[in-house]
């Protein structure tokens, strides 16, 4: 199951009229937001904390991949002539 950034956005974000914050949101509201039955969510996650952790893990991985791409691009293009970019 793929987790997207939209998972919590409509339920938790401060711009949402239904914004309640992380601790005010229920698994039922999350399941409604993503159009997935609540029991199906429990096949993958036991708590909403696990859902958030899964989301953050994916986002962090994508962020790291993007950063690595920028580093490689900078090294290949020679734009890092002063050695400011170091591979992590």
Protein backbone atom coordinates (compact mmCIF):
# COMPACT_ATOMS: atom_id res chain seq x y z
CA UNK A 1 0.00 0.00 0.00
CA UNK A 2 1.39 3.36 -0.97
CA UNK A 3 1.08 6.24 1.45
CA UNK A 4 0.76 9.68 -0.07
CA UNK A 5 1.25 13.10 1.41
CA UNK A 6 -2.48 13.66 0.98
CA UNK A 7 -3.15 11.06 3.66
CA UNK A 8 -3.38 13.55 6.49
CA UNK A 9 -3.58 16.81 4.58
CA UNK A 10 -7.35 17.13 4.36
CA UNK A 11 -7.85 16.03 7.95
CA UNK A 12 -5.00 17.56 9.90
CA UNK A 13 -3.74 20.61 8.01
CA UNK A 14 -4.28 23.96 9.63
CA UNK A 15 -6.01 25.26 6.50
CA UNK A 16 -8.70 22.58 6.61
CA UNK A 17 -12.06 23.49 8.09
CA UNK A 18 -11.93 20.09 9.81
CA UNK A 19 -8.45 20.67 11.22
CA UNK A 20 -8.15 19.02 14.60
CA UNK A 21 -4.46 18.39 14.89
CA UNK A 22 -2.84 14.98 14.87
CA UNK A 23 -4.20 13.86 18.21
CA UNK A 24 -7.75 14.96 17.40
CA UNK A 25 -7.99 12.88 14.23
CA UNK A 26 -9.29 9.34 14.30
CA UNK A 27 -8.50 6.33 12.11
CA UNK A 28 -12.10 6.53 10.91
CA UNK A 29 -11.56 10.10 9.64
CA UNK A 30 -8.34 9.04 7.95
CA UNK A 31 -10.10 6.11 6.28
CA UNK A 32 -12.86 8.42 5.04
CA UNK A 33 -10.32 10.91 3.70
CA UNK A 34 -8.45 8.29 1.69
CA UNK A 35 -11.55 6.28 0.72
CA UNK A 36 -10.34 3.09 2.36
CA UNK A 37 -12.33 1.01 4.82
CA UNK A 38 -11.06 1.21 8.39
CA UNK A 39 -10.43 -2.56 8.69
CA UNK A 40 -8.24 -2.37 5.57
CA UNK A 41 -6.06 0.27 7.22
CA UNK A 42 -5.54 -2.04 10.19
CA UNK A 43 -4.12 -4.67 7.80
CA UNK A 44 -1.17 -2.31 7.34
CA UNK A 45 -1.03 -0.13 10.44
CA UNK A 46 -2.05 -0.62 14.06
CA UNK A 47 -2.14 3.08 14.99
CA UNK A 48 -2.25 6.48 13.36
CA UNK A 49 1.26 7.02 14.71
CA UNK A 50 2.39 4.14 12.49
CA UNK A 51 0.63 5.75 9.53
CA UNK A 52 2.43 9.03 10.18
CA UNK A 53 5.76 7.24 10.63
CA UNK A 54 5.23 5.43 7.32
CA UNK A 55 4.41 8.70 5.60
CA UNK A 56 7.44 10.45 7.08
CA UNK A 57 9.70 7.53 6.14
CA UNK A 58 8.58 7.72 2.51
CA UNK A 59 8.86 11.51 2.40
CA UNK A 60 12.32 11.40 3.97
CA UNK A 61 13.46 8.79 1.44
CA UNK A 62 12.17 10.92 -1.44
CA UNK A 63 13.83 14.01 0.03
CA UNK A 64 17.16 12.17 0.36
CA UNK A 65 16.93 10.85 -3.21
CA UNK A 66 16.25 14.36 -4.48
CA UNK A 67 19.14 15.76 -2.49
CA UNK A 68 21.47 13.06 -3.78
CA UNK A 69 20.35 13.87 -7.32
CA UNK A 70 21.19 17.53 -6.77
CA UNK A 71 24.59 16.63 -5.40
CA UNK A 72 25.40 14.37 -8.35
CA UNK A 73 24.13 16.98 -10.77
CA UNK A 74 26.27 19.68 -9.15
CA UNK A 75 29.35 17.46 -9.25
CA UNK A 76 28.77 16.46 -12.87
CA UNK A 77 28.13 19.99 -14.06
CA UNK A 78 31.19 21.41 -12.39
CA UNK A 79 29.09 23.99 -10.59
CA UNK A 80 30.69 22.90 -7.35
CA UNK A 81 34.14 24.17 -8.25
CA UNK A 82 34.84 25.25 -4.67
CA UNK A 83 34.05 21.81 -3.25
CA UNK A 84 31.07 23.05 -1.26
CA UNK A 85 28.96 19.98 -2.06
CA UNK A 86 30.10 16.82 -0.36
CA UNK A 87 28.42 13.50 -0.79
CA UNK A 88 26.64 12.43 2.38
